[in-house]
């Protein structure tokens, strides 16, 4: 009987050792999985931080490039506007000389021809004043208002040129 007890104790001890070994292996696998998950989480966090930094850097670069492009476009537009204003101003000033030439040609006119010329010249002077006013507005304009002011100025200048040519043509008749 004593031998049986001893054998039972030995078997029980072995079962306890074997059983504990399985639990130890289970616990070890769980701990490894937890550690692996922690490593993956840390690496993912690092990668996310790196990506965020790179994205921020790229975004800053894109914004800076956009600012440079906008600045260059504005500079180009301003140069084109200044060029147009210079040419338009010269064209408008040129009418002062042309008007003097017309007045000189009209000095010999009398009667109905003189009256007709005076009416046409008054209309021409009024149109030049309108063009001068539109030019002043154009010089003060920018952006969207520039486009509208330029269109108005171009229209008035076209009308002024047509009126001038009509008056000059009447002298050739």
C-alpha atoms as a PDB file:
ATOM      1  CA  UNK A   1       0.000   0.000   0.000  1.00  0.00           C
ATOM      2  CA  UNK A   2       2.814   2.270   0.775  1.00  0.00           C
ATOM      3  CA  UNK A   3       4.225   1.586  -2.592  1.00  0.00           C
ATOM      4  CA  UNK A   4       0.915   2.450  -4.138  1.00  0.00           C
ATOM      5  CA  UNK A   5       0.778   5.736  -2.285  1.00  0.00           C
ATOM      6  CA  UNK A   6       4.288   6.486  -3.347  1.00  0.00           C
ATOM      7  CA  UNK A   7       3.470   5.644  -6.945  1.00  0.00           C
ATOM      8  CA  UNK A   8       0.344   7.797  -6.751  1.00  0.00           C
ATOM      9  CA  UNK A   9       2.352  10.661  -5.321  1.00  0.00           C
ATOM     10  CA  UNK A  10       4.968  10.255  -8.009  1.00  0.00           C
ATOM     11  CA  UNK A  11       2.303  10.163 -10.747  1.00  0.00           C
ATOM     12  CA  UNK A  12       0.549  13.163  -9.215  1.00  0.00           C
ATOM     13  CA  UNK A  13       3.812  15.062  -9.050  1.00  0.00           C
ATOM     14  CA  UNK A  14       4.567  14.224 -12.640  1.00  0.00           C
ATOM     15  CA  UNK A  15       1.148  15.374 -13.712  1.00  0.00           C
ATOM     16  CA  UNK A  16       1.613  18.529 -11.791  1.00  0.00           C
ATOM     17  CA  UNK A  17       4.990  19.110 -13.441  1.00  0.00           C
ATOM     18  CA  UNK A  18       3.673  18.242 -16.909  1.00  0.00           C
ATOM     19  CA  UNK A  19       0.566  20.321 -16.348  1.00  0.00           C
ATOM     20  CA  UNK A  20       2.601  23.278 -15.150  1.00  0.00           C
ATOM     21  CA  UNK A  21       4.874  22.884 -18.146  1.00  0.00           C
ATOM     22  CA  UNK A  22       1.907  23.240 -20.524  1.00  0.00           C
ATOM     23  CA  UNK A  23       0.706  26.320 -18.673  1.00  0.00           C
ATOM     24  CA  UNK A  24       4.212  27.734 -18.742  1.00  0.00           C
ATOM     25  CA  UNK A  25       4.356  27.174 -22.481  1.00  0.00           C
ATOM     26  CA  UNK A  26       0.915  28.781 -22.895  1.00  0.00           C
ATOM     27  CA  UNK A  27       1.943  31.712 -20.752  1.00  0.00           C
ATOM     28  CA  UNK A  28       5.203  32.065 -22.651  1.00  0.00           C
ATOM     29  CA  UNK A  29       3.364  32.082 -26.022  1.00  0.00           C
ATOM     30  CA  UNK A  30       0.897  34.676 -24.702  1.00  0.00           C
ATOM     31  CA  UNK A  31       3.703  36.864 -23.423  1.00  0.00           C
ATOM     32  CA  UNK A  32       5.464  36.552 -26.774  1.00  0.00           C
ATOM     33  CA  UNK A  33       2.287  37.532 -28.608  1.00  0.00           C
ATOM     34  CA  UNK A  34       1.790  40.531 -26.334  1.00  0.00           C
ATOM     35  CA  UNK A  35       5.410  41.593 -26.818  1.00  0.00           C
ATOM     36  CA  UNK A  36       5.055  41.143 -30.596  1.00  0.00           C
ATOM     37  CA  UNK A  37       1.892  43.248 -30.588  1.00  0.00           C
ATOM     38  CA  UNK A  38       3.696  45.938 -28.592  1.00  0.00           C
ATOM     39  CA  UNK A  39       6.587  45.909 -31.085  1.00  0.00           C
ATOM     40  CA  UNK A  40       4.189  46.193 -34.014  1.00  0.00           C
ATOM     41  CA  UNK A  41       2.341  49.056 -32.295  1.00  0.00           C
ATOM     42  CA  UNK A  42       5.602  50.904 -31.610  1.00  0.00           C
ATOM     43  CA  UNK A  43       6.831  50.443 -35.187  1.00  0.00           C
ATOM     44  CA  UNK A  44       3.448  51.522 -36.561  1.00  0.00           C
ATOM     45  CA  UNK A  45       3.524  54.609 -34.355  1.00  0.00           C
ATOM     46  CA  UNK A  46       7.035  55.456 -35.551  1.00  0.00           C
ATOM     47  CA  UNK A  47       5.999  54.964 -39.171  1.00  0.00           C
ATOM     48  CA  UNK A  48       2.930  57.149 -38.663  1.00  0.00           C
ATOM     49  CA  UNK A  49       5.062  59.890 -37.108  1.00  0.00           C
ATOM     50  CA  UNK A  50       7.546  59.701 -39.990  1.00  0.00           C
ATOM     51  CA  UNK A  51       4.724  59.811 -42.521  1.00  0.00           C
ATOM     52  CA  UNK A  52       3.143  62.785 -40.759  1.00  0.00           C
ATOM     53  CA  UNK A  53       6.450  64.641 -40.730  1.00  0.00           C
ATOM     54  CA  UNK A  54       7.065  63.894 -44.399  1.00  0.00           C
ATOM     55  CA  UNK A  55       3.506  64.858 -45.296  1.00  0.00           C
ATOM     56  CA  UNK A  56       3.920  68.113 -43.390  1.00  0.00           C
ATOM     57  CA  UNK A  57       7.186  68.806 -45.174  1.00  0.00           C
ATOM     58  CA  UNK A  58       5.656  68.041 -48.563  1.00  0.00           C
ATOM     59  CA  UNK A  59       2.651  70.214 -47.741  1.00  0.00           C
ATOM     60  CA  UNK A  60       4.944  73.076 -46.761  1.00  0.00           C
ATOM     61  CA  UNK A  61       6.876  72.670 -50.008  1.00  0.00           C
ATOM     62  CA  UNK A  62       3.675  72.639 -52.047  1.00  0.00           C
ATOM     63  CA  UNK A  63       2.404  75.772 -50.295  1.00  0.00           C
ATOM     64  CA  UNK A  64       5.736  77.525 -50.853  1.00  0.00           C
ATOM     65  CA  UNK A  65       5.802  76.545 -54.529  1.00  0.00           C
ATOM     66  CA  UNK A  66       2.216  77.766 -54.863  1.00  0.00           C
ATOM     67  CA  UNK A  67       3.149  81.100 -53.335  1.00  0.00           C
ATOM     68  CA  UNK A  68       6.109  81.430 -55.687  1.00  0.00           C
ATOM     69  CA  UNK A  69       3.955  80.593 -58.708  1.00  0.00           C
ATOM     70  CA  UNK A  70       1.276  83.072 -57.653  1.00  0.00           C
ATOM     71  CA  UNK A  71       3.893  85.740 -57.095  1.00  0.00           C
ATOM     72  CA  UNK A  72       5.423  85.113 -60.519  1.00  0.00           C
ATOM     73  CA  UNK A  73       1.979  85.219 -62.140  1.00  0.00           C
ATOM     74  CA  UNK A  74       1.135  88.463 -60.386  1.00  0.00           C
ATOM     75  CA  UNK A  75       4.485  89.961 -61.421  1.00  0.00           C
ATOM     76  CA  UNK A  76       3.944  88.876 -65.013  1.00  0.00           C
ATOM     77  CA  UNK A  77       0.405  90.299 -64.962  1.00  0.00           C
ATOM     78  CA  UNK A  78       1.627  93.560 -63.488  1.00  0.00           C
ATOM     79  CA  UNK A  79       4.301  93.809 -66.186  1.00  0.00           C
ATOM     80  CA  UNK A  80       1.697  93.178 -68.889  1.00  0.00           C
ATOM     81  CA  UNK A  81      -0.662  95.712 -67.324  1.00  0.00           C
ATOM     82  CA  UNK A  82       2.111  98.321 -67.146  1.00  0.00           C
ATOM     83  CA  UNK A  83       3.052  97.618 -70.763  1.00  0.00           C
ATOM     84  CA  UNK A  84      -0.565  98.026 -71.871  1.00  0.00           C
ATOM     85  CA  UNK A  85      -0.973 101.227 -69.862  1.00  0.00           C
ATOM     86  CA  UNK A  86       2.169 102.670 -71.470  1.00  0.00           C
ATOM     87  CA  UNK A  87       0.941 101.938 -74.996  1.00  0.00           C
ATOM     88  CA  UNK A  88      -2.586 103.111 -74.263  1.00  0.00           C
ATOM     89  CA  UNK A  89      -1.288 106.325 -72.696  1.00  0.00           C
ATOM     90  CA  UNK A  90       0.847 107.014 -75.774  1.00  0.00           C
ATOM     91  CA  UNK A  91      -2.103 106.329 -78.071  1.00  0.00           C
ATOM     92  CA  UNK A  92      -4.333 108.636 -76.068  1.00  0.00           C
ATOM     93  CA  UNK A  93      -1.700 111.378 -75.980  1.00  0.00           C
ATOM     94  CA  UNK A  94      -1.251 111.029 -79.731  1.00  0.00           C
ATOM     95  CA  UNK A  95      -4.780 112.269 -80.233  1.00  0.00           C
ATOM     96  CA  UNK A  96      -3.801 115.661 -78.832  1.00  0.00           C
ATOM     97  CA  UNK A  97      -1.485 116.163 -81.817  1.00  0.00           C
ATOM     98  CA  UNK A  98      -4.051 114.738 -84.236  1.00  0.00           C
ATOM     99  CA  UNK A  99      -6.699 117.094 -82.892  1.00  0.00           C
ATOM    100  CA  UNK A 100      -4.355 120.036 -83.478  1.00  0.00           C
ATOM    101  CA  UNK A 101      -3.864 118.906 -87.074  1.00  0.00           C
ATOM    102  CA  UNK A 102      -7.642 118.648 -87.559  1.00  0.00           C
ATOM    103  CA  UNK A 103      -8.174 122.138 -86.172  1.00  0.00           C
ATOM    104  CA  UNK A 104      -5.529 123.477 -88.551  1.00  0.00           C
ATOM    105  CA  UNK A 105      -7.242 121.817 -91.534  1.00  0.00           C
ATOM    106  CA  UNK A 106     -10.604 123.191 -90.455  1.00  0.00           C
ATOM    107  CA  UNK A 107      -9.488 126.857 -90.260  1.00  0.00           C
ATOM    108  CA  UNK A 108     -10.438 127.499 -93.867  1.00  0.00           C
ATOM    109  CA  UNK A 109     -13.947 126.086 -93.476  1.00  0.00           C
ATOM    110  CA  UNK A 110     -16.988 128.341 -93.544  1.00  0.00           C
ATOM    111  CA  UNK A 111     -20.741 128.105 -93.323  1.00  0.00           C
ATOM    112  CA  UNK A 112     -22.331 124.654 -93.066  1.00  0.00           C
ATOM    113  CA  UNK A 113     -18.997 122.867 -93.417  1.00  0.00           C
ATOM    114  CA  UNK A 114     -17.603 124.812 -90.433  1.00  0.00           C
ATOM    115  CA  UNK A 115     -20.754 124.135 -88.367  1.00  0.00           C
ATOM    116  CA  UNK A 116     -20.626 120.423 -89.222  1.00  0.00           C
ATOM    117  CA  UNK A 117     -16.924 120.231 -88.344  1.00  0.00           C
ATOM    118  CA  UNK A 118     -17.461 122.030 -85.036  1.00  0.00           C
ATOM    119  CA  UNK A 119     -20.204 119.542 -84.098  1.00  0.00           C
ATOM    120  CA  UNK A 120     -18.035 116.574 -85.049  1.00  0.00           C
ATOM    121  CA  UNK A 121     -15.007 118.033 -83.288  1.00  0.00           C
ATOM    122  CA  UNK A 122     -17.065 118.626 -80.128  1.00  0.00           C
ATOM    123  CA  UNK A 123     -18.197 114.967 -80.237  1.00  0.00           C
ATOM    124  CA  UNK A 124     -14.593 113.897 -80.848  1.00  0.00           C
ATOM    125  CA  UNK A 125     -13.339 115.960 -77.905  1.00  0.00           C
ATOM    126  CA  UNK A 126     -16.084 114.534 -75.710  1.00  0.00           C
ATOM    127  CA  UNK A 127     -15.098 110.989 -76.725  1.00  0.00           C
ATOM    128  CA  UNK A 128     -11.432 111.757 -75.962  1.00  0.00           C
ATOM    129  CA  UNK A 129     -12.425 113.051 -72.529  1.00  0.00           C
ATOM    130  CA  UNK A 130     -14.419 109.851 -71.986  1.00  0.00           C
ATOM    131  CA  UNK A 131     -11.372 107.803 -73.042  1.00  0.00           C
ATOM    132  CA  UNK A 132      -9.144 109.802 -70.664  1.00  0.00           C
ATOM    133  CA  UNK A 133     -11.542 109.127 -67.805  1.00  0.00           C
ATOM    134  CA  UNK A 134     -11.663 105.408 -68.670  1.00  0.00           C
ATOM    135  CA  UNK A 135      -7.836 105.399 -68.822  1.00  0.00           C
ATOM    136  CA  UNK A 136      -7.614 106.933 -65.335  1.00  0.00           C
ATOM    137  CA  UNK A 137     -10.005 104.258 -64.041  1.00  0.00           C
ATOM    138  CA  UNK A 138      -7.902 101.603 -65.746  1.00  0.00           C
ATOM    139  CA  UNK A 139      -4.718 102.855 -64.073  1.00  0.00           C
ATOM    140  CA  UNK A 140      -6.375 102.537 -60.651  1.00  0.00           C
ATOM    141  CA  UNK A 141      -7.811  99.059 -61.338  1.00  0.00           C
ATOM    142  CA  UNK A 142      -6.464  95.605 -60.532  1.00  0.00           C
ATOM    143  CA  UNK A 143      -7.629  92.008 -60.691  1.00  0.00           C
ATOM    144  CA  UNK A 144     -11.208  91.528 -61.810  1.00  0.00           C
ATOM    145  CA  UNK A 145     -11.865  95.259 -62.021  1.00  0.00           C
ATOM    146  CA  UNK A 146      -8.908  95.589 -64.409  1.00  0.00           C
ATOM    147  CA  UNK A 147     -10.550  93.271 -66.964  1.00  0.00           C
ATOM    148  CA  UNK A 148     -13.815  95.214 -66.961  1.00  0.00           C
ATOM    149  CA  UNK A 149     -12.038  98.596 -67.030  1.00  0.00           C
ATOM    150  CA  UNK A 150      -9.815  97.457 -69.918  1.00  0.00           C
ATOM    151  CA  UNK A 151     -12.816  96.279 -71.937  1.00  0.00           C
ATOM    152  CA  UNK A 152     -14.543  99.621 -71.392  1.00  0.00           C
ATOM    153  CA  UNK A 153     -11.395 101.541 -72.333  1.00  0.00           C
ATOM    154  CA  UNK A 154     -10.874  99.425 -75.475  1.00  0.00           C
ATOM    155  CA  UNK A 155     -14.473 100.045 -76.556  1.00  0.00           C
ATOM    156  CA  UNK A 156     -14.194 103.801 -76.054  1.00  0.00           C
ATOM    157  CA  UNK A 157     -10.844 103.916 -77.863  1.00  0.00           C
ATOM    158  CA  UNK A 158     -12.340 102.021 -80.812  1.00  0.00           C
ATOM    159  CA  UNK A 159     -15.195 104.534 -80.949  1.00  0.00           C
ATOM    160  CA  UNK A 160     -12.702 107.429 -80.712  1.00  0.00           C
ATOM    161  CA  UNK A 161     -10.588 106.081 -83.586  1.00  0.00           C
ATOM    162  CA  UNK A 162     -13.674 105.492 -85.745  1.00  0.00           C
ATOM    163  CA  UNK A 163     -14.977 109.003 -85.061  1.00  0.00           C
ATOM    164  CA  UNK A 164     -11.585 110.530 -85.823  1.00  0.00           C
ATOM    165  CA  UNK A 165     -11.258 108.577 -89.083  1.00  0.00           C
ATOM    166  CA  UNK A 166     -14.770 109.657 -90.081  1.00  0.00           C
ATOM    167  CA  UNK A 167     -13.873 113.314 -89.580  1.00  0.00           C
ATOM    168  CA  UNK A 168     -10.568 112.921 -91.476  1.00  0.00           C
ATOM    169  CA  UNK A 169     -12.432 111.181 -94.317  1.00  0.00           C
ATOM    170  CA  UNK A 170     -14.835 114.120 -94.560  1.00  0.00           C
ATOM    171  CA  UNK A 171     -11.885 116.411 -95.390  1.00  0.00           C
ATOM    172  CA  UNK A 172     -10.916 114.180 -98.282  1.00  0.00           C
ATOM    173  CA  UNK A 173     -14.360 114.494 -99.908  1.00  0.00           C
END
